Amino acid sequence: MRSLSFAILSAALLASPTWAKPKTIAATAQETAAFRTLTAALKQAGLVDALAGDGPFTVFAPTDAAFAKAPKVGGDQLASVLKYHVVAGRLPASAIVSMKQLETLQGQSLPVALQNGQLRIGDARVVQANIACSNGVIHVIDRVLVPEQRTIAELASKNENLSTLLAAVVAAKLDKALASKGPFTVLAPTNAAFAKLPRAVLADLLKPENRDQLTAILTYHVIPGRVTAAEALLAKQAKTLQGAELAFGYSDGALRAGPAAILLPDIAASNGVIHVIDRVLLPPSASETKADGIEAIIVAAIESGAPQFNDGNVAACTAIYEIAARAIVTLAGDALAPAARRQFEATLADTASDDRTRAWAFRRTFDSILSAAPAPAPAPKKTSSNFKPLIEAPLPVGFPQPGPVGEVVVKTYPSYRMARAKGGMFAFGTLFNHIKKNEIAMTAPVEMTMEENGKGLAQTDMAFLYANTKLGKAGEQGRVDVVDVKDARVLSFGIRGPMSQSKIADAKAAIEGRLGAEWKRAGDWRMMGYNSPMVPAKQRFWEIQLPVRAVSNS
């Protein structure tokens, strides 16, 4: 069991007298003489309000002397460096010493070590621990922590053991995408891994005429987002940009991605993370890819890219869409309609337009392909749950997954916060402006209150749900009312495709059929909508829900 040195423990005891009421992290920094440079940097980066918010946060605060020894940074790089010093949650030193790494708000991880009784965070020593604040805790460190500034492509170019991979990436014309903002997770086969392929096979893959096969293989090594080895092991599988799922596990003494052993995990890059592996991963066969892979690639791209776009990270969304588009163009062959191919090729060749314009161009082509896909044959009710809704934004914390289709199920929702406006579907613009103004990230679903009007159920209010109850403040804000909703159980009926009054009536009847002996109504009807108008109508998913309580508890 690791323990802290006497010096740190003493500093912790002296840091916050029990009679002093703690202030926010931002206020504490502003009032501490040793944090003048830190305070100025927070103001310059526009982060003061964030550290004065509810939190909680753990901040590793460099002293003025630490900043004096550090290279000067500004602009976006300054915000990135400062976020690298912040971890979500309130973590005292006694909790940190049992950890191996900390996930920062910047995205990269900080290693934790205890050397000769001294707690170290990255390259810095903790010189004073546990300064209590009302919204978290500060640990003082003796140097400025700098995250990795090089991209995945730049790191690979400096590693001689990854030169074959780099050559393959260039041959597939994926090098610019992997140098973009991301984030991406790349499973990087070593030169020795590529050498295990027959020499003739490797040579053929690098030929221009075989770029489709090479692209399929390389995109099977890329996962949208920054996924650490620990997160991958916990998730057990992840969807690649090639469209297929890749399993993660632990066997024969090694963490594995598919059949490959991860030799060197968690190499941080400015736009993601690299895991070095010992063999080249081969995706599903070409016949499987052409039959089902186009839609799978599009769905994977939208699920990963749309949340980035909604959070304001437009460049990351564009990079994800570009990789997906290149994969489709090179893999699909005759399965891709000529018009869609022309649209993709025009957008891929367009280097003059900004990221937002290119992201929308890719998205319109994705949606046109999904709209043109054949409608699935009607399935028996028992197998309707095989449909997987397209999720364009993260669910609020603790929310159940959407689905299934065509069945009444009981769902339990935690308490949550939402911004509500009158006007049904016409309230969308009001709510969108509200969350942008207050820097609230978009989530799914959108909630709509429904009232009976003699002809069925009609939408009245619309609400955007906050990711968690710590965000924002409850109360009226102009035309928007921010309210807290108590935890509840609901009867839920999933609907796929375009919404209609007949579908709503069928869902209402099915739910009412469950009331009586087991369940009693406990609230108003509501509809949960999971997709934007950009998603083709037949791919959209909705849920009609009614809050209930068990008859035995009524």
Protein backbone atom coordinates (compact mmCIF):
# COMPACT_ATOMS: atom_id res chain seq x y z
CA MET A 1 0.00 0.00 0.00
CA ARG A 2 1.51 3.30 -1.08
CA SER A 3 1.66 6.19 1.36
CA LEU A 4 2.37 9.89 1.15
CA SER A 5 5.40 11.56 2.59
CA PHE A 6 5.14 13.42 5.88
CA ALA A 7 5.80 16.71 4.08
CA ILE A 8 2.76 16.35 1.82
CA LEU A 9 0.53 15.21 4.65
CA SER A 10 1.62 18.17 6.74
CA ALA A 11 0.95 20.54 3.90
CA ALA A 12 -2.47 19.01 3.46
CA LEU A 13 -3.32 19.63 7.09
CA LEU A 14 -2.15 23.24 6.88
CA ALA A 15 -3.81 23.99 3.55
CA SER A 16 -7.40 24.60 4.62
CA PRO A 17 -8.18 25.56 8.23
CA THR A 18 -11.39 23.92 9.36
CA TRP A 19 -12.85 27.30 10.38
CA ALA A 20 -12.55 28.83 6.90
CA LYS A 21 -15.48 28.40 4.50
CA PRO A 22 -14.04 26.94 1.25
CA LYS A 23 -14.29 29.05 -1.90
CA THR A 24 -14.41 27.89 -5.51
CA ILE A 25 -11.25 26.74 -7.25
CA ALA A 26 -11.23 29.91 -9.37
CA ALA A 27 -11.62 32.18 -6.32
CA THR A 28 -8.98 30.27 -4.34
CA ALA A 29 -6.49 30.61 -7.20
CA GLN A 30 -7.22 34.33 -7.56
CA GLU A 31 -6.61 34.92 -3.86
CA THR A 32 -3.38 32.90 -3.65
CA ALA A 33 -0.17 34.84 -4.29
CA ALA A 34 1.64 31.83 -5.78
CA PHE A 35 -1.03 31.42 -8.49
CA ARG A 36 -0.88 34.82 -10.22
CA THR A 37 0.37 33.35 -13.50
CA LEU A 38 -2.14 30.51 -13.33
CA THR A 39 -4.99 32.97 -12.74
CA ALA A 40 -3.90 35.12 -15.69
CA ALA A 41 -3.66 32.04 -17.92
CA LEU A 42 -7.16 30.89 -16.91
CA LYS A 43 -8.56 34.32 -17.78
CA GLN A 44 -6.74 34.36 -21.12
CA ALA A 45 -8.08 30.88 -21.99
CA GLY A 46 -11.62 31.72 -20.86
CA LEU A 47 -11.69 28.98 -18.21
CA VAL A 48 -12.35 31.01 -15.05
CA ASP A 49 -16.13 30.56 -15.19
CA ALA A 50 -15.76 26.81 -15.69
CA LEU A 51 -13.64 26.47 -12.53
CA ALA A 52 -16.11 28.65 -10.65
CA GLY A 53 -18.95 26.26 -11.60
CA ASP A 54 -20.44 23.36 -9.69
CA GLY A 55 -17.74 20.83 -10.58
CA PRO A 56 -16.42 19.00 -8.75
CA PHE A 57 -12.90 19.17 -10.18
CA THR A 58 -9.41 18.17 -9.13
CA VAL A 59 -6.84 20.76 -10.26
CA PHE A 60 -3.08 20.28 -10.32
CA ALA A 61 -1.98 23.90 -9.96
CA PRO A 62 1.54 24.97 -11.05
CA THR A 63 3.09 27.77 -9.02
CA ASP A 64 4.38 31.02 -10.53
CA ALA A 65 7.88 29.55 -10.28
CA ALA A 66 6.74 26.52 -12.29
CA PHE A 67 5.31 28.75 -15.04
CA ALA A 68 8.55 30.73 -15.13
CA LYS A 69 10.43 27.57 -16.12
CA ALA A 70 7.88 26.49 -18.76
CA PRO A 71 7.83 27.42 -22.45
CA LYS A 72 5.32 30.12 -23.37
CA VAL A 73 2.05 28.98 -25.02
CA GLY A 74 -1.07 30.82 -26.15
CA GLY A 75 -4.34 30.48 -28.05
CA ASP A 76 -5.92 27.05 -28.34
CA GLN A 77 -2.69 25.44 -27.11
CA LEU A 78 -2.96 27.34 -23.81
CA ALA A 79 -6.50 26.05 -23.19
CA SER A 80 -5.32 22.53 -24.01
CA VAL A 81 -2.40 22.78 -21.55
CA LEU A 82 -4.62 24.11 -18.75
CA LYS A 83 -7.30 21.42 -19.25
CA TYR A 84 -4.47 18.88 -18.99
CA HIS A 85 -4.20 19.96 -15.33
CA VAL A 86 -7.88 19.30 -14.54
CA VAL A 87 -9.57 16.00 -13.69
CA ALA A 88 -13.31 15.53 -13.16
CA GLY A 89 -14.31 14.70 -9.58
CA ARG A 90 -12.96 15.53 -6.14
CA LEU A 91 -9.83 13.41 -5.64
CA PRO A 92 -7.83 13.79 -2.42
CA ALA A 93 -4.20 12.72 -2.46
CA SER A 94 -5.08 9.57 -0.49
CA ALA A 95 -7.25 8.44 -3.42
CA ILE A 96 -4.80 9.45 -6.15
CA VAL A 97 -1.91 7.37 -4.78
CA SER A 98 -3.85 4.16 -5.49
CA MET A 99 -4.33 5.07 -9.16
CA LYS A 100 -2.04 4.48 -12.11
CA GLN A 101 -3.33 7.28 -14.30
CA LEU A 102 -5.88 10.09 -14.38
CA GLU A 103 -8.12 11.05 -17.29
CA THR A 104 -7.90 14.82 -17.81
CA LEU A 105 -10.47 17.18 -19.29
CA GLN A 106 -8.03 17.70 -22.17
CA GLY A 107 -8.50 14.05 -23.14
CA GLN A 108 -5.03 12.69 -22.52
CA SER A 109 -4.14 10.76 -19.37
CA LEU A 110 -1.72 11.75 -16.62
CA PRO A 111 0.49 9.02 -15.12
CA VAL A 112 0.59 8.75 -11.33
CA ALA A 113 3.60 7.52 -9.37
CA LEU A 114 4.92 7.50 -5.83
CA GLN A 115 8.70 7.86 -5.67
CA ASN A 116 10.50 7.87 -2.32
CA GLY A 117 7.30 8.85 -0.58
CA GLN A 118 6.72 11.75 -3.01
CA LEU A 119 3.52 11.86 -5.09
CA ARG A 120 4.26 12.61 -8.74
CA ILE A 121 1.77 13.57 -11.42
CA GLY A 122 3.45 13.19 -14.78
CA ASP A 123 6.78 14.99 -14.52
CA ALA A 124 5.67 17.16 -11.61
CA ARG A 125 5.95 16.75 -7.83
CA VAL A 126 2.99 17.51 -5.59
CA VAL A 127 4.40 20.05 -3.14
CA GLN A 128 1.15 20.81 -1.33
CA ALA A 129 -1.91 18.56 -1.33
CA ASN A 130 -5.60 18.77 -0.53
CA ILE A 131 -6.43 22.48 -0.65
CA ALA A 132 -10.18 22.16 -0.11
CA CYS A 133 -12.49 24.20 -2.34
CA SER A 134 -16.28 24.35 -2.50
CA ASN A 135 -16.27 22.77 -5.97
CA GLY A 136 -13.27 20.45 -5.70
CA VAL A 137 -9.69 20.29 -4.55
CA ILE A 138 -6.33 21.80 -5.55
CA HIS A 139 -2.96 20.03 -5.42
CA VAL A 140 0.02 22.35 -5.92
CA ILE A 141 2.73 21.08 -8.31
CA ASP A 142 6.22 22.29 -9.11
CA ARG A 143 6.13 22.32 -12.90
CA VAL A 144 3.72 22.89 -15.78
CA LEU A 145 2.41 19.70 -17.36
CA VAL A 146 2.42 19.73 -21.17
CA PRO A 147 0.28 17.24 -23.13
CA GLU A 148 1.56 15.52 -26.26
CA GLN A 149 1.40 18.04 -29.12
CA ARG A 150 2.19 15.67 -32.00
CA THR A 151 -0.55 14.00 -34.02
CA ILE A 152 -0.90 10.27 -34.59
CA ALA A 153 0.62 10.68 -38.05
CA GLU A 154 3.59 12.64 -36.68
CA LEU A 155 4.28 10.09 -33.93
CA ALA A 156 4.14 7.23 -36.43
CA SER A 157 6.56 9.04 -38.76
CA LYS A 158 9.10 9.30 -35.91
CA ASN A 159 8.84 5.60 -34.99
CA GLU A 160 10.95 3.42 -37.28
CA ASN A 161 9.00 0.34 -36.16
CA LEU A 162 5.84 1.79 -37.72
CA SER A 163 7.27 2.78 -41.12
CA THR A 164 5.33 0.10 -43.03
CA LEU A 165 2.08 1.25 -41.45
CA LEU A 166 2.87 4.84 -42.41
CA ALA A 167 3.56 3.80 -46.01
CA ALA A 168 0.22 1.96 -46.10
CA VAL A 169 -1.62 4.99 -44.70
CA VAL A 170 -0.09 7.23 -47.38
CA ALA A 171 -0.92 4.69 -50.11
CA ALA A 172 -4.56 4.65 -48.96
CA LYS A 173 -4.61 8.48 -48.84
CA LEU A 174 -5.60 8.45 -45.18
CA ASP A 175 -2.56 10.39 -43.94
CA LYS A 176 -4.24 13.82 -43.95
CA ALA A 177 -7.30 12.51 -42.09
CA LEU A 178 -5.13 10.94 -39.36
CA ALA A 179 -3.24 14.21 -39.02
CA SER A 180 -6.51 16.11 -38.39
CA LYS A 181 -8.00 17.01 -35.03
CA GLY A 182 -9.74 13.66 -34.38
CA PRO A 183 -9.79 12.13 -31.87
CA PHE A 184 -9.04 8.62 -33.12
CA THR A 185 -7.79 5.40 -31.60
CA VAL A 186 -5.32 3.63 -33.88
CA LEU A 187 -4.26 0.01 -33.49
CA ALA A 188 -0.81 0.20 -35.07
CA PRO A 189 0.80 -3.01 -36.39
CA THR A 190 4.58 -2.99 -36.20
CA ASN A 191 6.84 -3.59 -39.18
CA ALA A 192 7.30 -7.13 -37.84
CA ALA A 193 3.51 -7.58 -37.88
CA PHE A 194 3.34 -6.55 -41.54
CA ALA A 195 6.31 -8.84 -42.26
CA LYS A 196 4.17 -11.81 -41.18
CA LEU A 197 2.04 -11.22 -44.27
CA PRO A 198 3.33 -12.95 -47.41
CA ARG A 199 5.68 -10.53 -49.17
CA ALA A 200 3.70 -10.64 -52.40
CA VAL A 201 0.46 -9.86 -50.54
CA LEU A 202 1.97 -6.81 -48.86
CA ALA A 203 3.42 -5.56 -52.14
CA ASP A 204 0.04 -5.94 -53.86
CA LEU A 205 -1.77 -4.09 -51.08
CA LEU A 206 0.46 -1.06 -51.59
CA LYS A 207 -0.36 -0.85 -55.33
CA PRO A 208 -2.79 1.92 -56.36
CA GLU A 209 -5.18 -0.55 -58.01
CA ASN A 210 -5.63 -2.38 -54.69
CA ARG A 211 -6.37 0.69 -52.62
CA ASP A 212 -9.86 -0.61 -51.80
CA GLN A 213 -8.48 -3.68 -50.02
CA LEU A 214 -5.85 -1.61 -48.22
CA THR A 215 -8.44 0.93 -47.08
CA ALA A 216 -10.65 -1.84 -45.70
CA ILE A 217 -7.76 -3.21 -43.68
CA LEU A 218 -6.55 0.16 -42.38
CA THR A 219 -9.97 1.49 -41.37
CA TYR A 220 -10.46 -1.77 -39.45
CA HIS A 221 -7.56 -0.55 -37.30
CA VAL A 222 -9.19 2.83 -36.49
CA ILE A 223 -11.83 3.45 -33.80
CA PRO A 224 -13.53 6.86 -33.51
CA GLY A 225 -12.73 8.64 -30.24
CA ARG A 226 -9.93 8.32 -27.70
CA VAL A 227 -10.19 4.82 -26.20
CA THR A 228 -7.57 3.77 -23.64
CA ALA A 229 -6.59 0.14 -23.18
CA ALA A 230 -8.46 -0.01 -19.87
CA GLU A 231 -11.61 1.42 -21.46
CA ALA A 232 -11.39 -1.04 -24.36
CA LEU A 233 -11.05 -3.98 -21.98
CA LEU A 234 -14.04 -2.76 -19.98
CA ALA A 235 -16.19 -2.21 -23.12
CA LYS A 236 -15.16 -5.63 -24.56
CA GLN A 237 -15.79 -4.46 -28.13
CA ALA A 238 -15.73 -1.33 -30.27
CA LYS A 239 -17.00 -0.42 -33.72
CA THR A 240 -14.23 0.42 -36.19
CA LEU A 241 -14.39 2.95 -39.00
CA GLN A 242 -14.49 0.01 -41.40
CA GLY A 243 -17.93 -0.70 -39.93
CA ALA A 244 -17.26 -4.02 -38.23
CA GLU A 245 -16.99 -4.64 -34.49
CA LEU A 246 -13.62 -5.54 -32.96
CA ALA A 247 -13.45 -7.55 -29.74
CA PHE A 248 -11.12 -6.72 -26.85
CA GLY A 249 -10.11 -9.13 -24.11
CA TYR A 250 -7.31 -10.57 -22.04
CA SER A 251 -5.77 -13.96 -22.80
CA ASP A 252 -2.37 -15.68 -22.66
CA GLY A 253 -1.04 -12.92 -20.45
CA ALA A 254 -1.77 -10.11 -22.91
CA LEU A 255 -4.45 -7.55 -23.64
CA ARG A 256 -5.80 -8.34 -27.11
CA ALA A 257 -7.56 -6.53 -29.92
CA GLY A 258 -9.09 -9.37 -31.86
CA PRO A 259 -6.32 -11.94 -32.26
CA ALA A 260 -3.54 -9.32 -31.91
CA ALA A 261 -1.64 -8.72 -28.69
CA ILE A 262 -1.31 -5.09 -27.64
CA LEU A 263 2.44 -4.67 -27.18
CA LEU A 264 2.49 -1.01 -26.17
CA PRO A 265 -0.78 0.59 -25.05
CA ASP A 266 -1.86 4.19 -24.55
CA ILE A 267 0.66 6.19 -26.58
CA ALA A 268 -0.89 9.65 -26.28
CA ALA A 269 -1.21 11.90 -29.32
CA SER A 270 -2.76 15.34 -29.66
CA ASN A 271 -5.57 13.86 -31.76
CA GLY A 272 -6.02 10.47 -30.12
CA VAL A 273 -4.17 7.46 -28.86
CA ILE A 274 -2.08 4.66 -30.36
CA HIS A 275 -1.94 1.03 -29.26
CA VAL A 276 0.92 -0.88 -30.91
CA ILE A 277 -0.08 -4.45 -31.87
CA ASP A 278 1.80 -7.54 -33.03
CA ARG A 279 -0.22 -8.51 -36.10
CA VAL A 280 -2.27 -7.05 -38.91
CA LEU A 281 -6.01 -7.35 -38.32
CA LEU A 282 -8.08 -8.57 -41.24
CA PRO A 283 -11.67 -7.29 -41.55
CA PRO A 284 -14.69 -9.34 -42.69
CA SER A 285 -14.55 -10.64 -46.24
CA ALA A 286 -15.16 -8.37 -49.21
CA SER A 287 -18.51 -10.00 -49.92
CA GLU A 288 -19.69 -9.26 -46.39
CA THR A 289 -18.40 -5.70 -46.66
CA LYS A 290 -20.25 -4.92 -49.88
CA ALA A 291 -23.48 -6.56 -48.73
CA ASP A 292 -23.76 -4.89 -45.32
CA GLY A 293 -20.71 -2.72 -44.82
CA ILE A 294 -21.77 0.56 -46.48
CA GLU A 295 -24.61 1.17 -44.03
CA ALA A 296 -22.46 -0.06 -41.13
CA ILE A 297 -19.69 2.42 -42.03
CA ILE A 298 -22.19 5.29 -42.33
CA VAL A 299 -23.86 4.46 -39.03
CA ALA A 300 -20.47 4.23 -37.28
CA ALA A 301 -19.40 7.56 -38.78
CA ILE A 302 -22.60 9.39 -37.79
CA GLU A 303 -22.64 7.92 -34.27
CA SER A 304 -19.07 9.14 -33.77
CA GLY A 305 -19.07 12.33 -35.82
CA ALA A 306 -22.44 13.91 -35.02
CA PRO A 307 -21.72 14.28 -31.25
CA GLN A 308 -18.39 15.95 -32.13
CA PHE A 309 -20.23 18.39 -34.43
CA ASN A 310 -22.88 19.12 -31.79
CA ASP A 311 -20.14 19.84 -29.22
CA GLY A 312 -18.56 22.38 -31.58
CA ASN A 313 -15.66 20.12 -32.63
CA VAL A 314 -16.46 20.48 -36.33
CA ALA A 315 -12.97 19.56 -37.56
CA ALA A 316 -13.11 16.23 -35.70
CA CYS A 317 -16.49 15.43 -37.22
CA THR A 318 -15.21 16.26 -40.70
CA ALA A 319 -12.16 14.02 -40.25
CA ILE A 320 -14.33 11.06 -39.18
CA TYR A 321 -16.69 11.60 -42.11
CA GLU A 322 -13.75 11.87 -44.53
CA ILE A 323 -12.26 8.55 -43.46
CA ALA A 324 -15.68 6.89 -43.75
CA ALA A 325 -16.25 8.41 -47.20
CA ARG A 326 -12.87 7.21 -48.47
CA ALA A 327 -13.61 3.73 -47.16
CA ILE A 328 -16.99 3.65 -48.90
CA VAL A 329 -15.65 4.97 -52.21
CA THR A 330 -12.84 2.42 -52.33
CA LEU A 331 -14.72 -0.56 -50.90
CA ALA A 332 -18.21 -0.35 -52.34
CA GLY A 333 -17.56 -0.93 -56.03
CA ASP A 334 -20.81 -1.20 -57.99
CA ALA A 335 -22.81 -1.24 -54.73
CA LEU A 336 -22.37 2.54 -54.48
CA ALA A 337 -24.72 4.55 -56.69
CA PRO A 338 -22.89 6.69 -59.28
CA ALA A 339 -24.46 9.90 -57.97
CA ALA A 340 -23.30 9.17 -54.41
CA ARG A 341 -19.83 8.30 -55.66
CA ARG A 342 -19.61 11.62 -57.52
CA GLN A 343 -20.77 13.52 -54.44
CA PHE A 344 -18.16 11.81 -52.24
CA GLU A 345 -15.35 12.31 -54.74
CA ALA A 346 -16.22 16.01 -55.14
CA THR A 347 -16.20 16.59 -51.38
CA LEU A 348 -12.99 14.60 -50.91
CA ALA A 349 -11.30 16.70 -53.59
CA ASP A 350 -12.64 19.98 -52.13
CA THR A 351 -9.83 21.44 -50.02
CA ALA A 352 -10.99 25.05 -50.32
CA SER A 353 -14.22 24.83 -48.30
CA ASP A 354 -14.25 25.05 -44.52
CA ASP A 355 -14.81 22.06 -42.23
CA ARG A 356 -18.48 22.87 -41.56
CA THR A 357 -19.29 22.97 -45.29
CA ARG A 358 -17.48 19.70 -45.95
CA ALA A 359 -19.07 17.98 -42.92
CA TRP A 360 -22.56 18.85 -44.18
CA ALA A 361 -21.66 17.72 -47.70
CA PHE A 362 -20.54 14.32 -46.39
CA ARG A 363 -23.60 14.06 -44.15
CA ARG A 364 -26.04 14.80 -46.98
CA THR A 365 -24.46 12.04 -49.04
CA PHE A 366 -24.59 9.61 -46.11
CA ASP A 367 -28.27 10.36 -45.63
CA SER A 368 -29.07 9.99 -49.33
CA ILE A 369 -27.48 6.54 -49.29
CA LEU A 370 -29.44 5.49 -46.20
CA SER A 371 -32.65 6.84 -47.77
CA ALA A 372 -32.07 4.82 -50.93
CA ALA A 373 -31.32 1.58 -49.08
CA PRO A 374 -34.04 -1.05 -49.47
CA ALA A 375 -36.54 -1.11 -46.65
CA PRO A 376 -36.13 -4.18 -44.45
CA ALA A 377 -38.70 -6.93 -44.82
CA PRO A 378 -41.37 -6.91 -42.09
CA ALA A 379 -40.14 -8.96 -39.14
CA PRO A 380 -42.20 -10.83 -36.56
CA LYS A 381 -42.71 -8.88 -33.37
CA LYS A 382 -40.38 -11.21 -31.47
CA THR A 383 -37.41 -10.24 -33.68
CA SER A 384 -38.22 -6.51 -34.02
CA SER A 385 -35.73 -5.70 -31.29
CA ASN A 386 -32.91 -6.57 -33.72
CA PHE A 387 -33.21 -3.02 -35.08
CA LYS A 388 -30.47 -0.83 -33.61
CA PRO A 389 -31.42 2.86 -33.36
CA LEU A 390 -28.96 5.38 -34.75
CA ILE A 391 -27.72 7.46 -31.81
CA GLU A 392 -26.50 10.89 -32.93
CA ALA A 393 -25.69 12.31 -29.48
CA PRO A 394 -24.80 10.88 -26.04
CA LEU A 395 -27.57 9.80 -23.68
CA PRO A 396 -27.89 11.67 -20.36
CA VAL A 397 -26.11 9.98 -17.46
CA GLY A 398 -27.95 6.87 -16.27
CA PHE A 399 -30.51 6.78 -19.10
CA PRO A 400 -31.60 3.37 -20.42
CA GLN A 401 -30.73 2.43 -23.99
CA PRO A 402 -33.41 3.07 -26.64
CA GLY A 403 -35.57 0.19 -27.84
CA PRO A 404 -36.96 -2.29 -28.51
CA VAL A 405 -39.37 -1.76 -31.41
CA GLY A 406 -43.00 -2.83 -31.20
CA GLU A 407 -43.04 -4.00 -27.59
CA VAL A 408 -44.16 -2.51 -24.28
CA VAL A 409 -41.31 -2.58 -21.78
CA VAL A 410 -40.74 -1.12 -18.33
CA LYS A 411 -37.89 1.40 -18.14
CA THR A 412 -36.40 3.18 -15.14
CA TYR A 413 -35.11 6.73 -15.53
CA PRO A 414 -32.90 8.60 -13.03
CA SER A 415 -33.63 12.18 -12.05
CA TYR A 416 -32.53 14.60 -14.78
CA ARG A 417 -32.54 18.26 -15.78
CA MET A 418 -34.10 19.58 -18.96
CA ALA A 419 -34.74 22.83 -20.80
CA ARG A 420 -38.41 23.02 -21.89
CA ALA A 421 -40.22 25.36 -24.27
CA LYS A 422 -43.76 25.64 -25.58
CA GLY A 423 -44.66 24.98 -29.20
CA GLY A 424 -44.01 21.28 -29.82
CA MET A 425 -41.71 20.75 -32.79
CA PHE A 426 -41.62 24.54 -33.40
CA ALA A 427 -39.71 25.01 -30.13
CA PHE A 428 -36.57 23.37 -31.54
CA GLY A 429 -34.93 26.65 -32.59
CA THR A 430 -35.61 28.26 -29.21
CA LEU A 431 -34.08 25.33 -27.36
CA PHE A 432 -31.10 25.03 -29.69
CA ASN A 433 -30.23 28.70 -29.16
CA HIS A 434 -30.59 28.18 -25.39
CA ILE A 435 -28.10 25.32 -25.15
CA LYS A 436 -25.61 27.07 -27.44
CA LYS A 437 -25.80 30.27 -25.40
CA ASN A 438 -25.25 28.34 -22.16
CA GLU A 439 -22.64 25.97 -23.61
CA ILE A 440 -24.76 22.89 -22.87
CA ALA A 441 -23.90 19.88 -25.02
CA MET A 442 -26.64 18.31 -27.14
CA THR A 443 -27.91 14.92 -25.96
CA ALA A 444 -30.42 12.38 -27.21
CA PRO A 445 -33.34 11.93 -26.89
CA VAL A 446 -35.44 15.08 -27.24
CA GLU A 447 -38.52 14.89 -25.00
CA MET A 448 -41.99 16.06 -26.04
CA THR A 449 -44.96 16.33 -23.67
CA MET A 450 -48.19 14.99 -25.20
CA GLU A 451 -51.81 15.74 -24.32
CA GLU A 452 -55.05 14.02 -25.32
CA ASN A 453 -57.17 16.29 -27.55
CA GLY A 454 -60.09 14.06 -28.50
CA LYS A 455 -58.38 12.89 -31.68
CA GLY A 456 -55.43 11.22 -29.97
CA LEU A 457 -52.18 12.53 -28.50
CA ALA A 458 -50.80 15.92 -29.60
CA GLN A 459 -47.38 17.40 -28.89
CA THR A 460 -47.32 20.46 -26.64
CA ASP A 461 -43.90 21.14 -25.05
CA MET A 462 -40.46 20.15 -26.33
CA ALA A 463 -37.42 19.72 -24.07
CA PHE A 464 -33.68 19.25 -24.55
CA LEU A 465 -32.18 17.08 -21.81
CA TYR A 466 -28.95 18.01 -20.02
CA ALA A 467 -26.18 15.40 -19.79
CA ASN A 468 -26.32 15.54 -15.98
CA THR A 469 -28.03 17.45 -13.18
CA LYS A 470 -24.87 19.45 -12.38
CA LEU A 471 -25.16 21.48 -15.59
CA GLY A 472 -26.93 24.82 -15.66
CA LYS A 473 -29.45 26.09 -13.15
CA ALA A 474 -33.17 25.41 -12.78
CA GLY A 475 -35.62 28.28 -13.36
CA GLU A 476 -37.18 30.40 -16.08
CA GLN A 477 -34.75 31.78 -18.65
CA GLY A 478 -36.71 33.85 -21.14
CA ARG A 479 -38.87 31.55 -23.27
CA VAL A 480 -37.17 28.47 -21.78
CA ASP A 481 -37.96 26.86 -18.44
CA VAL A 482 -35.17 24.70 -16.98
CA VAL A 483 -36.73 22.07 -14.71
CA ASP A 484 -35.58 19.08 -12.70
CA VAL A 485 -37.46 15.83 -13.29
CA LYS A 486 -37.67 13.20 -10.57
CA ASP A 487 -36.63 9.60 -11.17
CA ALA A 488 -39.48 7.47 -12.50
CA ARG A 489 -40.56 4.24 -14.11
CA VAL A 490 -42.37 4.32 -17.43
CA LEU A 491 -44.11 1.97 -19.80
CA SER A 492 -42.40 2.49 -23.15
CA PHE A 493 -43.27 1.46 -26.71
CA GLY A 494 -40.65 1.84 -29.47
CA ILE A 495 -41.57 3.02 -32.99
CA ARG A 496 -39.35 2.83 -36.05
CA GLY A 497 -39.77 5.02 -39.11
CA PRO A 498 -41.81 8.15 -39.83
CA MET A 499 -44.20 9.18 -37.07
CA SER A 500 -47.95 9.14 -37.64
CA GLN A 501 -51.13 9.44 -35.58
CA SER A 502 -51.96 5.79 -36.27
CA LYS A 503 -48.60 4.66 -34.86
CA ILE A 504 -49.06 6.88 -31.81
CA ALA A 505 -52.57 5.44 -31.32
CA ASP A 506 -51.26 1.87 -31.57
CA ALA A 507 -48.52 2.61 -29.03
CA LYS A 508 -50.99 4.29 -26.67
CA ALA A 509 -53.37 1.33 -26.89
CA ALA A 510 -50.56 -1.16 -26.23
CA ILE A 511 -49.42 0.76 -23.15
CA GLU A 512 -52.95 1.19 -21.83
CA GLY A 513 -53.36 -2.56 -22.17
CA ARG A 514 -50.70 -2.96 -19.47
CA LEU A 515 -52.50 -0.68 -17.00
CA GLY A 516 -54.79 -2.12 -14.40
CA ALA A 517 -53.78 -5.06 -12.27
CA GLU A 518 -50.03 -4.35 -12.40
CA TRP A 519 -49.45 -0.68 -13.25
CA LYS A 520 -51.23 2.60 -12.57
CA ARG A 521 -50.75 5.87 -14.46
CA ALA A 522 -48.48 8.33 -12.61
CA GLY A 523 -47.87 11.18 -15.06
CA ASP A 524 -48.36 12.70 -18.51
CA TRP A 525 -47.78 11.03 -21.85
CA ARG A 526 -44.50 11.88 -23.53
CA MET A 527 -42.58 11.09 -26.69
CA MET A 528 -38.82 10.54 -26.86
CA GLY A 529 -37.27 11.35 -30.25
CA TYR A 530 -33.74 10.11 -30.91
CA ASN A 531 -32.95 11.45 -34.38
CA SER A 532 -32.58 14.75 -36.20
CA PRO A 533 -34.41 15.54 -39.45
CA MET A 534 -31.15 14.69 -41.26
CA VAL A 535 -31.67 10.99 -40.57
CA PRO A 536 -33.79 9.30 -43.27
CA ALA A 537 -37.36 8.84 -42.05
CA LYS A 538 -37.30 5.04 -42.16
CA GLN A 539 -34.19 4.97 -39.93
CA ARG A 540 -35.63 7.20 -37.19
CA PHE A 541 -36.60 5.90 -33.77
CA TRP A 542 -39.19 7.16 -31.27
CA GLU A 543 -40.65 6.01 -27.98
CA ILE A 544 -44.13 6.74 -26.62
CA GLN A 545 -43.99 6.58 -22.82
CA LEU A 546 -46.27 6.88 -19.81
CA PRO A 547 -44.95 7.29 -16.22
CA VAL A 548 -46.38 4.56 -13.98
CA ARG A 549 -46.21 3.17 -10.48
CA ALA A 550 -46.85 -0.36 -9.35
CA VAL A 551 -50.43 -0.93 -8.17
CA SER A 552 -49.10 -2.41 -4.92
CA ASN A 553 -47.35 0.92 -4.19
CA SER A 554 -50.28 3.18 -5.03
